[in-house]
C-alpha atoms as a PDB file:
ATOM      1  CA  MET A   1     -48.288 105.609   4.378  1.00  0.00           C
ATOM      2  CA  ALA A   2     -50.319 103.446   3.109  1.00  0.00           C
ATOM      3  CA  LEU A   3     -54.328 102.467   4.907  1.00  0.00           C
ATOM      4  CA  ILE A   4     -54.641  99.512   6.920  1.00  0.00           C
ATOM      5  CA  ASP A   5     -57.547  97.709   5.533  1.00  0.00           C
ATOM      6  CA  ASP A   6     -57.310  94.780   8.103  1.00  0.00           C
ATOM      7  CA  PRO A   7     -60.322  95.472   9.841  1.00  0.00           C
ATOM      8  CA  THR A   8     -58.824  93.958  13.402  1.00  0.00           C
ATOM      9  CA  GLN A   9     -55.875  96.424  13.157  1.00  0.00           C
ATOM     10  CA  ARG A  10     -58.574  99.312  12.205  1.00  0.00           C
ATOM     11  CA  ASP A  11     -59.708  98.461  16.014  1.00  0.00           C
ATOM     12  CA  ASP A  12     -56.740  98.449  16.870  1.00  0.00           C
ATOM     13  CA  LEU A  13     -56.235 101.793  15.777  1.00  0.00           C
ATOM     14  CA  THR A  14     -59.752 102.867  16.607  1.00  0.00           C
ATOM     15  CA  ARG A  15     -58.911 101.692  20.189  1.00  0.00           C
ATOM     16  CA  ILE A  16     -55.678 104.056  20.570  1.00  0.00           C
ATOM     17  CA  GLY A  17     -57.437 106.873  18.935  1.00  0.00           C
ATOM     18  CA  GLU A  18     -59.901 106.767  21.510  1.00  0.00           C
ATOM     19  CA  ALA A  19     -57.713 106.388  24.486  1.00  0.00           C
ATOM     20  CA  LEU A  20     -55.132 109.096  23.315  1.00  0.00           C
ATOM     21  CA  ALA A  21     -58.234 111.102  22.510  1.00  0.00           C
ATOM     22  CA  GLY A  22     -59.303 110.412  25.763  1.00  0.00           C
ATOM     23  CA  VAL A  23     -55.591 112.015  27.858  1.00  0.00           C
ATOM     24  CA  PHE A  24     -55.185 114.657  25.406  1.00  0.00           C
ATOM     25  CA  ARG A  25     -58.483 116.129  26.201  1.00  0.00           C
ATOM     26  CA  ALA A  26     -57.451 119.571  27.030  1.00  0.00           C
ATOM     27  CA  GLY A  27     -59.881 119.443  30.323  1.00  0.00           C
ATOM     28  CA  HIS A  28     -57.921 116.492  32.090  1.00  0.00           C
ATOM     29  CA  ALA A  29     -54.204 118.090  31.101  1.00  0.00           C
ATOM     30  CA  ALA A  30     -56.141 121.758  32.614  1.00  0.00           C
ATOM     31  CA  ARG A  31     -57.331 119.896  35.723  1.00  0.00           C
ATOM     32  CA  MET A  32     -54.278 117.744  36.358  1.00  0.00           C
ATOM     33  CA  HIS A  33     -52.007 120.353  36.421  1.00  0.00           C
ATOM     34  CA  GLU A  34     -53.777 122.329  38.536  1.00  0.00           C
ATOM     35  CA  ARG A  35     -53.782 119.354  41.122  1.00  0.00           C
ATOM     36  CA  VAL A  36     -49.887 118.720  40.422  1.00  0.00           C
ATOM     37  CA  ALA A  37     -49.250 122.382  40.343  1.00  0.00           C
ATOM     38  CA  GLU A  38     -51.052 122.660  43.910  1.00  0.00           C
ATOM     39  CA  GLN A  39     -49.580 119.903  45.852  1.00  0.00           C
ATOM     40  CA  ALA A  40     -46.407 120.871  44.660  1.00  0.00           C
ATOM     41  CA  GLY A  41     -46.763 124.927  45.659  1.00  0.00           C
ATOM     42  CA  VAL A  42     -46.797 126.428  42.782  1.00  0.00           C
ATOM     43  CA  ALA A  43     -48.242 128.906  40.535  1.00  0.00           C
ATOM     44  CA  VAL A  44     -47.751 128.390  37.182  1.00  0.00           C
ATOM     45  CA  ASP A  45     -49.891 127.628  34.764  1.00  0.00           C
ATOM     46  CA  ARG A  46     -49.744 124.418  31.883  1.00  0.00           C
ATOM     47  CA  THR A  47     -48.075 126.599  29.446  1.00  0.00           C
ATOM     48  CA  GLY A  48     -45.946 127.891  31.740  1.00  0.00           C
ATOM     49  CA  PHE A  49     -44.872 125.205  32.957  1.00  0.00           C
ATOM     50  CA  VAL A  50     -43.733 123.776  29.648  1.00  0.00           C
ATOM     51  CA  LEU A  51     -41.726 126.475  28.553  1.00  0.00           C
ATOM     52  CA  LEU A  52     -39.812 126.217  31.609  1.00  0.00           C
ATOM     53  CA  ALA A  53     -39.301 122.464  30.788  1.00  0.00           C
ATOM     54  CA  LYS A  54     -38.649 122.840  27.260  1.00  0.00           C
ATOM     55  CA  ALA A  55     -35.882 126.172  28.390  1.00  0.00           C
ATOM     56  CA  MET A  56     -34.420 123.843  31.094  1.00  0.00           C
ATOM     57  CA  ARG A  57     -33.388 121.052  28.515  1.00  0.00           C
ATOM     58  CA  GLU A  58     -32.516 123.221  26.009  1.00  0.00           C
ATOM     59  CA  PRO A  59     -31.712 127.286  26.038  1.00  0.00           C
ATOM     60  CA  ALA A  60     -33.264 128.874  23.287  1.00  0.00           C
ATOM     61  CA  ARG A  61     -34.547 131.514  21.502  1.00  0.00           C
ATOM     62  CA  ILE A  62     -38.358 133.032  21.881  1.00  0.00           C
ATOM     63  CA  SER A  63     -39.510 131.660  18.201  1.00  0.00           C
ATOM     64  CA  GLN A  64     -37.829 128.459  18.727  1.00  0.00           C
ATOM     65  CA  LEU A  65     -39.525 127.827  21.878  1.00  0.00           C
ATOM     66  CA  ALA A  66     -42.843 129.079  20.208  1.00  0.00           C
ATOM     67  CA  ASP A  67     -42.268 126.225  17.450  1.00  0.00           C
ATOM     68  CA  ARG A  68     -41.443 123.300  20.459  1.00  0.00           C
ATOM     69  CA  ILE A  69     -44.551 124.076  22.174  1.00  0.00           C
ATOM     70  CA  GLY A  70     -46.833 125.210  19.123  1.00  0.00           C
ATOM     71  CA  LEU A  71     -47.538 128.135  20.444  1.00  0.00           C
ATOM     72  CA  ASP A  72     -46.939 131.650  18.078  1.00  0.00           C
ATOM     73  CA  VAL A  73     -44.209 133.958  19.061  1.00  0.00           C
ATOM     74  CA  SER A  74     -46.391 136.535  20.545  1.00  0.00           C
ATOM     75  CA  THR A  75     -48.126 134.579  22.516  1.00  0.00           C
ATOM     76  CA  THR A  76     -44.787 132.910  24.013  1.00  0.00           C
ATOM     77  CA  SER A  77     -43.059 136.075  23.969  1.00  0.00           C
ATOM     78  CA  ARG A  78     -45.581 137.550  26.437  1.00  0.00           C
ATOM     79  CA  LYS A  79     -45.063 134.229  28.908  1.00  0.00           C
ATOM     80  CA  VAL A  80     -41.771 134.654  28.864  1.00  0.00           C
ATOM     81  CA  ALA A  81     -42.007 137.578  30.006  1.00  0.00           C
ATOM     82  CA  GLU A  82     -44.348 136.660  32.769  1.00  0.00           C
ATOM     83  CA  LEU A  83     -41.752 134.045  33.694  1.00  0.00           C
ATOM     84  CA  GLU A  84     -38.909 136.704  33.557  1.00  0.00           C
ATOM     85  CA  ALA A  85     -40.991 138.535  35.889  1.00  0.00           C
ATOM     86  CA  ALA A  86     -41.820 135.627  38.273  1.00  0.00           C
ATOM     87  CA  GLY A  87     -37.638 135.406  38.197  1.00  0.00           C
ATOM     88  CA  LEU A  88     -38.040 131.241  36.848  1.00  0.00           C
ATOM     89  CA  VAL A  89     -36.436 132.092  33.531  1.00  0.00           C
ATOM     90  CA  VAL A  90     -33.221 134.803  32.338  1.00  0.00           C
ATOM     91  CA  ARG A  91     -33.250 135.995  28.514  1.00  0.00           C
ATOM     92  CA  THR A  92     -29.188 136.485  27.757  1.00  0.00           C
ATOM     93  CA  HIS A  93     -27.276 137.758  24.214  1.00  0.00           C
ATOM     94  CA  ASP A  94     -26.954 134.938  21.708  1.00  0.00           C
ATOM     95  CA  PRO A  95     -23.860 134.148  20.835  1.00  0.00           C
ATOM     96  CA  GLY A  96     -24.107 133.407  17.446  1.00  0.00           C
ATOM     97  CA  ASP A  97     -26.480 136.580  16.952  1.00  0.00           C
ATOM     98  CA  ARG A  98     -25.492 139.253  20.022  1.00  0.00           C
ATOM     99  CA  ARG A  99     -29.083 141.314  18.555  1.00  0.00           C
ATOM    100  CA  ALA A 100     -31.197 137.712  19.325  1.00  0.00           C
ATOM    101  CA  ALA A 101     -32.455 136.478  22.861  1.00  0.00           C
ATOM    102  CA  VAL A 102     -32.016 133.087  24.321  1.00  0.00           C
ATOM    103  CA  VAL A 103     -34.011 131.888  26.791  1.00  0.00           C
ATOM    104  CA  SER A 104     -32.907 129.942  29.869  1.00  0.00           C
ATOM    105  CA  THR A 105     -34.346 128.766  33.510  1.00  0.00           C
ATOM    106  CA  THR A 106     -32.465 130.152  36.555  1.00  0.00           C
ATOM    107  CA  ASP A 107     -31.946 127.720  39.509  1.00  0.00           C
ATOM    108  CA  GLY A 108     -35.599 129.532  41.134  1.00  0.00           C
ATOM    109  CA  GLY A 109     -37.335 127.725  37.665  1.00  0.00           C
ATOM    110  CA  LYS A 110     -35.405 124.455  37.428  1.00  0.00           C
ATOM    111  CA  ALA A 111     -36.690 123.899  41.364  1.00  0.00           C
ATOM    112  CA  LEU A 112     -40.229 124.951  40.499  1.00  0.00           C
ATOM    113  CA  VAL A 113     -40.089 122.065  37.520  1.00  0.00           C
ATOM    114  CA  ALA A 114     -38.345 119.804  39.608  1.00  0.00           C
ATOM    115  CA  ARG A 115     -41.301 119.946  42.315  1.00  0.00           C
ATOM    116  CA  VAL A 116     -44.109 119.790  39.908  1.00  0.00           C
ATOM    117  CA  ARG A 117     -42.231 116.959  38.179  1.00  0.00           C
ATOM    118  CA  GLY A 118     -42.491 115.382  41.599  1.00  0.00           C
ATOM    119  CA  ALA A 119     -45.878 115.730  42.040  1.00  0.00           C
ATOM    120  CA  ARG A 120     -46.584 114.460  38.988  1.00  0.00           C
ATOM    121  CA  ASN A 121     -44.828 111.350  39.544  1.00  0.00           C
ATOM    122  CA  ARG A 122     -46.524 111.291  42.906  1.00  0.00           C
ATOM    123  CA  ALA A 123     -49.872 111.374  40.935  1.00  0.00           C
ATOM    124  CA  PHE A 124     -48.937 108.850  38.522  1.00  0.00           C
ATOM    125  CA  GLY A 125     -47.746 106.625  40.602  1.00  0.00           C
ATOM    126  CA  GLN A 126     -51.134 106.663  42.682  1.00  0.00           C
ATOM    127  CA  MET A 127     -53.023 106.133  39.104  1.00  0.00           C
ATOM    128  CA  LEU A 128     -50.757 103.423  38.530  1.00  0.00           C
ATOM    129  CA  ALA A 129     -50.704 101.592  41.716  1.00  0.00           C
ATOM    130  CA  GLY A 130     -52.651  98.384  40.587  1.00  0.00           C
ATOM    131  CA  TRP A 131     -50.027  98.093  37.521  1.00  0.00           C
ATOM    132  CA  ASP A 132     -47.066  95.548  38.038  1.00  0.00           C
ATOM    133  CA  ALA A 133     -43.690  97.085  37.590  1.00  0.00           C
ATOM    134  CA  ALA A 134     -43.017  95.416  34.339  1.00  0.00           C
ATOM    135  CA  ASP A 135     -46.677  96.914  32.946  1.00  0.00           C
ATOM    136  CA  ARG A 136     -45.625 100.106  34.078  1.00  0.00           C
ATOM    137  CA  ALA A 137     -42.026  99.700  32.256  1.00  0.00           C
ATOM    138  CA  ARG A 138     -43.958  98.587  28.522  1.00  0.00           C
ATOM    139  CA  LEU A 139     -46.489 101.408  29.114  1.00  0.00           C
ATOM    140  CA  ALA A 140     -43.480 103.865  29.135  1.00  0.00           C
ATOM    141  CA  ASP A 141     -41.325 102.325  26.610  1.00  0.00           C
ATOM    142  CA  LEU A 142     -44.422 102.623  24.187  1.00  0.00           C
ATOM    143  CA  LEU A 143     -45.364 106.170  25.016  1.00  0.00           C
ATOM    144  CA  GLU A 144     -41.864 107.243  24.674  1.00  0.00           C
ATOM    145  CA  ARG A 145     -41.902 105.530  21.106  1.00  0.00           C
ATOM    146  CA  LEU A 146     -45.161 107.203  20.287  1.00  0.00           C
ATOM    147  CA  VAL A 147     -43.780 110.577  21.101  1.00  0.00           C
ATOM    148  CA  GLU A 148     -40.764 109.687  18.785  1.00  0.00           C
ATOM    149  CA  ASP A 149     -42.818 108.948  16.288  1.00  0.00           C
ATOM    150  CA  ILE A 150     -45.339 111.860  16.284  1.00  0.00           C
ATOM    151  CA  ASP A 151     -42.054 114.362  16.485  1.00  0.00           C
ATOM    152  CA  ARG A 152     -40.711 112.411  13.374  1.00  0.00           C
ATOM    153  CA  GLN A 153     -43.440 112.890  11.673  1.00  0.00           C
ATOM    154  CA  GLY A 154     -43.692 116.826  12.283  1.00  0.00           C
ATOM    155  CA  GLY A 155     -46.522 116.177  15.429  1.00  0.00           C
ATOM    156  CA  LEU A 156     -50.142 114.979  15.337  1.00  0.00           C
ATOM    157  CA  SER A 157     -51.376 116.656  12.009  1.00  0.00           C
ATOM    158  CA  GLY A 158     -48.698 114.786  10.445  1.00  0.00           C
ATOM    159  CA  GLY A 159     -47.131 118.327   8.788  1.00  0.00           C
END
């Protein structure tokens, strides 16, 4: 991919980068998750929630879940053990390889994800209350496109 030398494009790219950096800041994400989890009445940290949501979308081995969320296998395994002890996920034998386990979300885990997503939607609804429906839809479309492009390139590091 060629670098963009047009100063007006570079300015837009700088604005995008700075805006996304503000959104991605771990402090913002952690505080928002804490607030949303509290409003949802659940006690699961952000990593646990992400794992639950990924396993809910598609049951997977721990190594696959680790890859999906960018954590090492040992950290993911410990987090899955916590979620399993809480009754939020279950491990079953992989039908393709009986030595391996597949992690899937239990009904309790699915209910927890639904409560957190509901609280998150209410929070975003409050944040974007001054936006008209067309602007909200456009933002959603553009963010989905950005995520697809990031995923296609192998993440934000481009690797």
